[in-house]
Amino acid sequence: MGEREPIGVIGAGWVGLVTAACFSELGHRVVCRDIVAEKVESLRRGEVPIYEPGLADTITRNAERLTFTTDMDELRDGAQLLFCCVDTPPTYSGDADLSRVERVLAELGDTPDHALVMKSTVPVGTGRSIARRHPELGYVSNPEFLKEGTAVADFMHPDRVVVGAGERSTAFADRVAALYEPLAAPIVRTDVASAEMIKLASNAFLATKISFINEIANVSEELGADVTEVARGMGLDTRIGPKFLQAGIGYGGSCFPKDVSALKQLAGNSGYHFQLLTAVIEVNELQKRRTISKLQKHLGSLVGKEIALLGLAFKPETDDVREATSLVLAARLQGEGAQVRVYDPVAGRKAEELLPGAHVCDSSLEALDGADGAVLVTEWPEFRELDWAGEGKRRMAHPLVVDGRNFLDGEALSAAGYAYEGVGRAADGPSPRSGLFPQR
């Protein structure tokens, strides 16, 4: 086996660290550069600043092949393929903030010996603009499709790899595609604009699927149907599939809200009104409010009531609270006059500064202590294993559970004397079949 292609990674955030770690796992020498000196020093000491299962072990296992630096020259000297993994957050207008990408381009300069491989999510047309303004620099679009909580496995076992390039960067695109050949995944070779659109369209479609099943859940509540049964029957149709048919209290995280809004904004900027995505966003916001209504149905006014939120991260197996439903719920509960108690096994203290006025607890039982109602926000396994019938019920002032993920055993809770509300199921309804509908 010949010597593996050296790789540079720009940005030591979640995408950058996973990319760097996994390419080193595949045998490549990787230089990962970040502008935050404290983060680089921590990584050099083996301290991984984010929670992602398997990531720290992968970095430790490949320490001899993985270097961290703040020096762009060291990155440029070490590799010709430079993967851009910097943040592109939304601006107040809804457009993507490309200032970090522009800073990378300014530092990198025009060089025919290097290619910028774009993993950051950027608007359609970004690559075309960069290629026009930096004609000497190679450019390849290689969007990421990682899921937080399973990112290492997703990288090593992808559904597909997308590689987009113009005619001038075909040779660089060949080299990028070759990096992924050991993974035995389909490689989609296309133009840059199409590669950029594939990323945005994929996330927008998955978000649409979530909002659709949430609408079905809301109608099911009115008509006496059970959305878990409806989703099971729908998902067995191979044209539909079971994934992302988990009714709940809405999607969150760093990808779906940003990418759905970005695609809607791009369409609007081009003069096209993307009506479907407008509805997807509206449904997602209204879904959170329904949780408040379910609490009010049982408790009346929430003024002075103690409400426990179980779970802060937008999904289990991550500490990411970006665009998390929990933050919206906490703020709206406080707006209704409630006292909010929160617990998350991983993200609790990290989110503390984002929850002014809320009491961040060290255990689920502490969160339930004196609570007039509990809302399950994130489906961490420990919440299913909680002693609801015993200590949990004794701790609560009122045994009321709003199960925002249809994760708990509704029949068992009802038998134990709880008022139980799921999503898309009659109150005190049957327990869901767990594990059928994996979701992002």
Protein backbone atom coordinates (compact mmCIF):
# COMPACT_ATOMS: atom_id res chain seq x y z
CA MET A 1 0.00 0.00 0.00
CA GLY A 2 1.40 3.38 -1.00
CA GLU A 3 1.77 6.38 1.25
CA ARG A 4 -1.55 7.99 2.15
CA GLU A 5 -2.38 11.54 1.08
CA PRO A 6 -1.62 14.09 3.84
CA ILE A 7 -4.63 16.18 4.80
CA GLY A 8 -5.19 19.60 6.32
CA VAL A 9 -8.32 20.47 8.30
CA ILE A 10 -9.29 24.08 9.00
CA GLY A 11 -11.43 24.44 12.12
CA ALA A 12 -11.37 22.25 15.22
CA GLY A 13 -15.09 22.35 15.90
CA TRP A 14 -17.40 19.37 15.79
CA VAL A 15 -17.18 18.75 12.02
CA GLY A 16 -13.45 19.54 11.88
CA LEU A 17 -12.49 17.25 14.75
CA VAL A 18 -14.56 14.36 13.43
CA THR A 19 -13.09 14.84 9.94
CA ALA A 20 -9.52 15.05 11.24
CA ALA A 21 -9.90 12.08 13.58
CA CYS A 22 -11.54 9.82 11.01
CA PHE A 23 -9.06 10.59 8.22
CA SER A 24 -6.25 9.80 10.66
CA GLU A 25 -8.07 6.56 11.48
CA LEU A 26 -7.90 5.76 7.75
CA GLY A 27 -4.12 6.11 7.90
CA HIS A 28 -3.59 9.70 6.74
CA ARG A 29 -1.35 12.22 8.40
CA VAL A 30 -3.59 15.12 9.37
CA VAL A 31 -2.81 18.67 10.46
CA CYS A 32 -5.80 20.34 12.11
CA ARG A 33 -5.67 24.11 12.49
CA ASP A 34 -7.79 26.39 14.68
CA ILE A 35 -7.40 30.07 15.52
CA VAL A 36 -8.24 29.57 19.23
CA ALA A 37 -4.92 28.89 20.93
CA GLU A 38 -6.52 27.55 24.13
CA LYS A 39 -8.48 24.96 22.18
CA VAL A 40 -5.37 23.85 20.29
CA GLU A 41 -3.40 23.50 23.53
CA SER A 42 -6.20 21.43 25.07
CA LEU A 43 -6.28 19.14 22.04
CA ARG A 44 -2.52 18.71 22.20
CA ARG A 45 -2.98 17.52 25.79
CA GLY A 46 -5.57 15.02 24.60
CA GLU A 47 -8.53 16.97 25.96
CA VAL A 48 -11.48 16.91 23.53
CA PRO A 49 -13.76 19.93 24.09
CA ILE A 50 -16.97 18.36 22.74
CA TYR A 51 -19.01 15.31 23.67
CA GLU A 52 -19.26 12.90 20.76
CA PRO A 53 -19.21 9.13 21.34
CA GLY A 54 -16.00 7.53 20.06
CA LEU A 55 -14.31 10.79 19.08
CA ALA A 56 -11.88 11.10 21.99
CA ASP A 57 -10.81 7.46 21.62
CA THR A 58 -10.23 7.92 17.89
CA ILE A 59 -8.09 11.00 18.47
CA THR A 60 -6.05 9.25 21.17
CA ARG A 61 -5.58 6.13 19.08
CA ASN A 62 -4.19 8.15 16.16
CA ALA A 63 -2.18 10.73 18.11
CA GLU A 64 1.00 10.03 16.11
CA ARG A 65 -0.72 10.93 12.83
CA LEU A 66 -2.78 13.87 14.12
CA THR A 67 -1.27 17.31 14.74
CA PHE A 68 -2.99 20.45 16.06
CA THR A 69 -1.76 23.95 15.28
CA THR A 70 -2.72 27.61 15.04
CA ASP A 71 -0.29 28.21 12.17
CA MET A 72 -1.74 28.40 8.65
CA ASP A 73 1.74 28.00 7.16
CA GLU A 74 2.19 24.70 8.98
CA LEU A 75 -1.13 23.54 7.57
CA ARG A 76 -0.28 24.68 4.04
CA ASP A 77 3.17 23.11 4.15
CA GLY A 78 1.79 19.81 5.43
CA ALA A 79 -0.94 19.14 2.87
CA GLN A 80 -2.42 20.21 -0.46
CA LEU A 81 -6.01 19.16 0.26
CA LEU A 82 -7.32 21.57 2.90
CA PHE A 83 -10.75 20.76 4.30
CA CYS A 84 -12.66 23.86 5.39
CA CYS A 85 -14.76 23.06 8.48
CA VAL A 86 -15.54 26.48 9.91
CA ASP A 87 -18.93 27.68 11.15
CA THR A 88 -21.35 29.45 8.81
CA PRO A 89 -24.07 30.63 11.23
CA PRO A 90 -27.15 32.53 10.06
CA THR A 91 -27.12 36.32 10.13
CA TYR A 92 -30.07 38.44 11.29
CA SER A 93 -31.29 38.52 7.70
CA GLY A 94 -31.31 34.71 7.51
CA ASP A 95 -28.38 34.55 5.10
CA ALA A 96 -25.30 32.49 5.95
CA ASP A 97 -22.44 34.33 7.63
CA LEU A 98 -19.44 33.47 5.44
CA SER A 99 -16.98 35.72 7.28
CA ARG A 100 -15.03 32.75 8.65
CA VAL A 101 -14.77 31.24 5.16
CA GLU A 102 -13.58 34.59 3.81
CA ARG A 103 -10.95 34.80 6.55
CA VAL A 104 -9.67 31.35 5.57
CA LEU A 105 -9.43 32.43 1.93
CA ALA A 106 -7.58 35.62 2.87
CA GLU A 107 -5.04 33.67 4.94
CA LEU A 108 -4.64 30.90 2.41
CA GLY A 109 -4.15 33.08 -0.66
CA ASP A 110 -4.19 31.99 -4.29
CA THR A 111 -2.00 28.98 -4.88
CA PRO A 112 -2.31 26.42 -7.68
CA ASP A 113 -0.77 23.77 -5.44
CA HIS A 114 -3.66 23.68 -2.98
CA ALA A 115 -7.40 23.01 -3.03
CA LEU A 116 -9.93 24.25 -0.53
CA VAL A 117 -12.30 21.34 0.11
CA MET A 118 -15.52 22.80 1.48
CA LYS A 119 -17.17 20.75 4.22
CA SER A 120 -18.83 23.76 5.82
CA THR A 121 -22.46 24.19 4.79
CA VAL A 122 -22.57 27.15 2.41
CA PRO A 123 -25.24 28.71 0.18
CA VAL A 124 -25.59 27.44 -3.36
CA GLY A 125 -23.33 29.61 -5.50
CA THR A 126 -20.59 30.02 -2.90
CA GLY A 127 -18.17 27.75 -4.72
CA ARG A 128 -18.80 29.50 -8.02
CA SER A 129 -18.06 32.85 -6.36
CA ILE A 130 -14.87 31.60 -4.73
CA ALA A 131 -13.62 30.04 -7.94
CA ARG A 132 -14.21 33.32 -9.78
CA ARG A 133 -12.42 35.42 -7.15
CA HIS A 134 -9.58 32.94 -6.54
CA PRO A 135 -8.88 31.41 -9.96
CA GLU A 136 -5.52 29.89 -8.97
CA LEU A 137 -6.87 28.02 -5.96
CA GLY A 138 -8.45 24.61 -6.45
CA TYR A 139 -11.97 24.24 -5.09
CA VAL A 140 -13.96 21.09 -4.27
CA SER A 141 -17.35 20.85 -2.56
CA ASN A 142 -17.52 17.88 -0.18
CA PRO A 143 -20.48 18.45 2.17
CA GLU A 144 -20.76 16.54 5.43
CA PHE A 145 -23.79 14.42 6.38
CA LEU A 146 -22.87 13.59 9.96
CA LYS A 147 -25.36 13.14 12.79
CA GLU A 148 -24.42 14.30 16.25
CA GLY A 149 -24.16 11.32 18.57
CA THR A 150 -23.14 8.96 15.74
CA ALA A 151 -20.74 11.17 13.78
CA VAL A 152 -17.70 8.87 13.88
CA ALA A 153 -19.76 5.90 12.65
CA ASP A 154 -21.43 8.10 10.03
CA PHE A 155 -18.06 9.18 8.66
CA MET A 156 -16.70 5.65 8.53
CA HIS A 157 -19.92 4.14 7.10
CA PRO A 158 -21.52 6.86 4.95
CA ASP A 159 -24.65 6.41 2.85
CA ARG A 160 -22.89 8.37 0.11
CA VAL A 161 -20.02 10.77 -0.45
CA VAL A 162 -20.66 13.89 -2.52
CA VAL A 163 -17.78 15.46 -4.46
CA GLY A 164 -18.48 18.54 -6.56
CA ALA A 165 -15.94 20.39 -8.71
CA GLY A 166 -15.57 22.48 -11.83
CA GLU A 167 -13.39 21.54 -14.79
CA ARG A 168 -10.33 23.35 -13.43
CA SER A 169 -10.42 21.32 -10.20
CA THR A 170 -11.11 17.87 -11.64
CA ALA A 171 -7.71 16.53 -10.61
CA PHE A 172 -8.20 17.72 -7.04
CA ALA A 173 -11.71 16.20 -7.02
CA ASP A 174 -10.22 12.86 -8.11
CA ARG A 175 -7.87 13.00 -5.13
CA VAL A 176 -10.69 13.86 -2.73
CA ALA A 177 -12.82 11.00 -4.05
CA ALA A 178 -9.88 8.62 -3.66
CA LEU A 179 -9.71 9.43 0.06
CA TYR A 180 -13.11 7.84 0.55
CA GLU A 181 -12.59 4.71 -1.57
CA PRO A 182 -11.72 2.53 1.46
CA LEU A 183 -15.20 3.25 2.86
CA ALA A 184 -16.87 1.44 -0.07
CA ALA A 185 -19.69 4.01 -0.28
CA PRO A 186 -21.33 5.40 -3.42
CA ILE A 187 -19.45 8.51 -4.55
CA VAL A 188 -21.61 11.15 -6.22
CA ARG A 189 -19.45 13.18 -8.63
CA THR A 190 -21.21 16.36 -9.69
CA ASP A 191 -20.79 20.09 -10.20
CA VAL A 192 -20.23 22.43 -7.26
CA ALA A 193 -23.68 24.06 -7.20
CA SER A 194 -25.42 20.69 -7.23
CA ALA A 195 -23.21 19.41 -4.42
CA GLU A 196 -24.10 22.47 -2.34
CA MET A 197 -27.79 21.95 -3.06
CA ILE A 198 -27.65 18.25 -2.16
CA LYS A 199 -26.64 19.17 1.38
CA LEU A 200 -29.34 21.79 1.92
CA ALA A 201 -32.05 19.78 0.16
CA SER A 202 -31.29 16.64 2.19
CA ASN A 203 -31.67 18.37 5.53
CA ALA A 204 -34.70 20.32 4.38
CA PHE A 205 -36.41 17.09 3.29
CA LEU A 206 -35.72 15.38 6.63
CA ALA A 207 -37.04 18.41 8.51
CA THR A 208 -40.13 18.33 6.30
CA LYS A 209 -40.67 14.68 7.19
CA ILE A 210 -40.50 15.54 10.91
CA SER A 211 -42.96 18.42 10.58
CA PHE A 212 -45.28 16.23 8.52
CA ILE A 213 -45.47 13.48 11.13
CA ASN A 214 -45.98 16.11 13.82
CA GLU A 215 -48.96 17.46 11.89
CA ILE A 216 -50.30 13.91 11.61
CA ALA A 217 -49.76 13.56 15.38
CA ASN A 218 -51.79 16.69 16.07
CA VAL A 219 -54.67 15.50 13.90
CA SER A 220 -54.43 12.04 15.48
CA GLU A 221 -54.93 13.58 18.93
CA GLU A 222 -58.14 15.19 17.72
CA LEU A 223 -59.47 12.08 15.99
CA GLY A 224 -58.42 9.41 18.49
CA ALA A 225 -55.73 7.75 16.36
CA ASP A 226 -52.33 6.72 17.70
CA VAL A 227 -49.50 8.34 15.72
CA THR A 228 -47.04 5.63 16.77
CA GLU A 229 -49.23 3.08 15.01
CA VAL A 230 -49.76 5.41 12.06
CA ALA A 231 -46.00 5.97 11.70
CA ARG A 232 -45.31 2.24 11.97
CA GLY A 233 -47.75 1.51 9.18
CA MET A 234 -46.42 4.33 7.03
CA GLY A 235 -42.78 3.43 7.59
CA LEU A 236 -43.17 -0.10 6.30
CA ASP A 237 -43.81 1.38 2.86
CA THR A 238 -40.37 1.32 1.21
CA ARG A 239 -41.19 4.56 -0.62
CA ILE A 240 -41.52 6.29 2.75
CA GLY A 241 -39.28 4.38 5.16
CA PRO A 242 -39.36 4.45 8.98
CA LYS A 243 -36.68 7.03 9.73
CA PHE A 244 -37.65 10.53 10.89
CA LEU A 245 -41.25 9.49 11.54
CA GLN A 246 -40.91 10.01 15.29
CA ALA A 247 -43.56 12.49 16.39
CA GLY A 248 -42.38 14.87 19.06
CA ILE A 249 -41.97 18.48 20.08
CA GLY A 250 -40.02 19.60 17.04
CA TYR A 251 -36.56 19.43 15.55
CA GLY A 252 -33.58 21.44 16.77
CA GLY A 253 -29.80 21.36 16.69
CA SER A 254 -27.20 23.11 14.61
CA CYS A 255 -28.25 21.75 11.20
CA PHE A 256 -31.96 21.47 10.53
CA PRO A 257 -33.14 24.93 11.68
CA LYS A 258 -30.18 26.64 10.00
CA ASP A 259 -30.30 24.70 6.73
CA VAL A 260 -34.08 24.88 6.30
CA SER A 261 -34.02 28.63 6.86
CA ALA A 262 -31.00 29.01 4.58
CA LEU A 263 -32.67 27.20 1.69
CA LYS A 264 -35.86 29.23 2.18
CA GLN A 265 -33.77 32.40 2.21
CA LEU A 266 -31.83 31.38 -0.90
CA ALA A 267 -35.07 30.70 -2.73
CA GLY A 268 -36.44 34.07 -1.66
CA ASN A 269 -33.27 35.86 -2.75
CA SER A 270 -33.71 34.31 -6.19
CA GLY A 271 -37.32 35.47 -6.37
CA TYR A 272 -38.96 32.12 -5.56
CA HIS A 273 -41.29 31.70 -2.57
CA PHE A 274 -40.61 28.26 -1.05
CA GLN A 275 -44.04 27.85 0.48
CA LEU A 276 -43.50 24.30 1.74
CA LEU A 277 -40.47 25.24 3.84
CA THR A 278 -42.37 28.19 5.28
CA ALA A 279 -44.94 25.69 6.56
CA VAL A 280 -42.24 23.33 7.85
CA ILE A 281 -40.73 26.10 9.97
CA GLU A 282 -44.13 27.26 11.25
CA VAL A 283 -45.20 23.74 12.23
CA ASN A 284 -41.94 23.22 14.10
CA GLU A 285 -42.45 26.38 16.14
CA LEU A 286 -46.11 25.67 16.91
CA GLN A 287 -45.26 22.14 18.05
CA LYS A 288 -43.35 23.51 21.02
CA ARG A 289 -46.29 25.62 22.09
CA ARG A 290 -48.56 22.58 22.23
CA THR A 291 -46.46 21.29 25.11
CA ILE A 292 -47.34 24.39 27.13
CA SER A 293 -51.02 23.87 26.32
CA LYS A 294 -50.88 20.27 27.58
CA LEU A 295 -49.45 21.43 30.90
CA GLN A 296 -52.16 24.09 31.16
CA LYS A 297 -54.82 21.50 30.38
CA HIS A 298 -53.98 19.73 33.65
CA LEU A 299 -52.66 22.56 35.82
CA GLY A 300 -54.57 25.59 34.63
CA SER A 301 -52.49 28.73 35.06
CA LEU A 302 -48.78 28.03 35.27
CA VAL A 303 -48.06 31.02 37.47
CA GLY A 304 -45.99 29.81 40.41
CA LYS A 305 -45.98 26.20 39.19
CA GLU A 306 -42.76 24.16 39.29
CA ILE A 307 -42.09 22.47 35.94
CA ALA A 308 -39.26 19.99 35.40
CA LEU A 309 -37.63 19.70 31.97
CA LEU A 310 -35.86 16.37 31.53
CA GLY A 311 -33.22 16.80 28.84
CA LEU A 312 -31.60 19.92 27.43
CA ALA A 313 -29.53 18.69 24.47
CA PHE A 314 -31.44 18.72 21.19
CA LYS A 315 -30.97 14.93 20.98
CA PRO A 316 -29.37 12.18 23.10
CA GLU A 317 -25.66 11.34 22.92
CA THR A 318 -24.62 14.95 22.44
CA ASP A 319 -24.06 18.03 24.59
CA ASP A 320 -25.25 20.36 21.80
CA VAL A 321 -27.96 22.80 22.89
CA ARG A 322 -27.92 24.94 19.76
CA GLU A 323 -31.53 25.62 18.71
CA ALA A 324 -32.61 23.08 21.33
CA THR A 325 -36.33 22.78 22.02
CA SER A 326 -35.57 22.84 25.75
CA LEU A 327 -34.40 26.45 25.60
CA VAL A 328 -37.62 27.56 23.89
CA LEU A 329 -39.75 25.63 26.37
CA ALA A 330 -37.88 27.04 29.35
CA ALA A 331 -38.32 30.60 28.12
CA ARG A 332 -42.01 30.14 27.35
CA LEU A 333 -42.68 28.46 30.69
CA GLN A 334 -41.01 31.36 32.46
CA GLY A 335 -43.07 33.72 30.36
CA GLU A 336 -46.19 31.96 31.71
CA GLY A 337 -44.95 32.54 35.25
CA ALA A 338 -43.66 29.02 35.97
CA GLN A 339 -40.53 28.13 37.89
CA VAL A 340 -38.34 25.91 35.72
CA ARG A 341 -36.13 23.06 36.90
CA VAL A 342 -33.91 21.33 34.31
CA TYR A 343 -31.64 18.31 34.14
CA ASP A 344 -29.51 16.76 31.41
CA PRO A 345 -26.86 14.06 32.03
CA VAL A 346 -24.36 15.71 29.67
CA ALA A 347 -25.46 19.21 28.67
CA GLY A 348 -26.74 20.51 32.00
CA ARG A 349 -23.94 22.75 33.20
CA LYS A 350 -22.97 23.69 29.65
CA ALA A 351 -26.43 25.19 29.12
CA GLU A 352 -26.62 26.92 32.49
CA GLU A 353 -25.78 30.39 31.16
CA LEU A 354 -28.45 30.00 28.46
CA LEU A 355 -31.16 29.40 31.08
CA PRO A 356 -31.32 32.52 33.24
CA GLY A 357 -33.66 32.02 36.17
CA ALA A 358 -33.90 28.25 35.75
CA HIS A 359 -32.61 25.84 38.38
CA VAL A 360 -30.11 23.43 36.81
CA CYS A 361 -30.22 20.16 38.75
CA ASP A 362 -27.65 17.41 39.20
CA SER A 363 -30.07 14.50 38.80
CA SER A 364 -33.47 13.71 37.36
CA LEU A 365 -34.89 13.06 40.83
CA GLU A 366 -33.71 16.47 41.99
CA ALA A 367 -35.46 18.02 38.98
CA LEU A 368 -38.69 16.22 39.93
CA ASP A 369 -38.50 17.32 43.56
CA GLY A 370 -41.64 19.37 44.20
CA ALA A 371 -42.52 19.58 40.50
CA ASP A 372 -46.12 20.14 39.45
CA GLY A 373 -45.38 18.57 36.11
CA ALA A 374 -42.51 17.08 34.11
CA VAL A 375 -41.76 17.36 30.40
CA LEU A 376 -39.52 14.77 28.76
CA VAL A 377 -37.59 16.77 26.19
CA THR A 378 -34.61 14.57 25.28
CA GLU A 379 -34.86 10.78 25.13
CA TRP A 380 -31.85 9.90 27.28
CA PRO A 381 -32.07 6.21 28.30
CA GLU A 382 -31.81 7.04 32.01
CA PHE A 383 -35.21 8.75 31.89
CA ARG A 384 -36.85 5.50 30.84
CA GLU A 385 -35.05 3.68 33.66
CA LEU A 386 -36.12 6.22 36.30
CA ASP A 387 -38.16 4.89 39.24
CA TRP A 388 -41.28 6.74 38.17
CA ALA A 389 -43.74 4.64 40.18
CA GLY A 390 -41.73 4.93 43.40
CA GLU A 391 -39.29 7.70 44.20
CA GLY A 392 -40.22 9.79 41.17
CA LYS A 393 -43.89 10.00 42.13
CA ARG A 394 -43.07 10.66 45.79
CA ARG A 395 -40.87 13.59 44.77
CA MET A 396 -43.48 15.31 42.59
CA ALA A 397 -46.18 17.64 43.88
CA HIS A 398 -48.48 16.52 41.06
CA PRO A 399 -47.85 13.30 39.08
CA LEU A 400 -48.08 14.76 35.58
CA VAL A 401 -45.81 13.80 32.67
CA VAL A 402 -45.84 15.32 29.19
CA ASP A 403 -43.78 12.90 27.12
CA GLY A 404 -42.47 15.06 24.29
CA ARG A 405 -40.81 12.13 22.52
CA ASN A 406 -43.29 9.26 23.13
CA PHE A 407 -40.37 7.64 24.90
CA LEU A 408 -41.83 6.50 28.21
CA ASP A 409 -44.26 3.68 28.99
CA GLY A 410 -47.54 5.54 29.07
CA GLU A 411 -49.53 2.53 30.31
CA ALA A 412 -47.18 1.99 33.24
CA LEU A 413 -47.23 5.65 34.19
CA SER A 414 -51.02 5.78 34.03
CA ALA A 415 -51.26 2.64 36.15
CA ALA A 416 -48.95 4.28 38.68
CA GLY A 417 -51.35 7.21 39.01
CA TYR A 418 -49.81 9.71 36.63
CA ALA A 419 -51.63 11.94 34.22
CA TYR A 420 -49.73 11.08 31.02
CA GLU A 421 -49.69 13.08 27.79
CA GLY A 422 -47.81 11.84 24.75
CA VAL A 423 -47.64 13.34 21.27
CA GLY A 424 -50.27 12.23 18.78
CA ARG A 425 -51.77 9.75 21.21
CA ALA A 426 -54.76 9.97 23.50
CA ALA A 427 -53.96 10.94 27.08
CA ASP A 428 -53.19 7.84 29.17
CA GLY A 429 -52.74 5.98 25.90
CA PRO A 430 -50.69 2.84 25.22
CA SER A 431 -46.92 2.83 25.41
CA PRO A 432 -44.92 3.35 22.21
CA ARG A 433 -42.91 0.68 20.48
CA SER A 434 -39.41 1.93 21.23
CA GLY A 435 -36.61 1.95 18.70
CA LEU A 436 -38.67 1.71 15.52
CA PHE A 437 -38.03 5.19 14.27
CA PRO A 438 -34.41 6.33 14.58
CA GLN A 439 -34.07 10.08 14.08
CA ARG A 440 -31.36 12.66 13.63
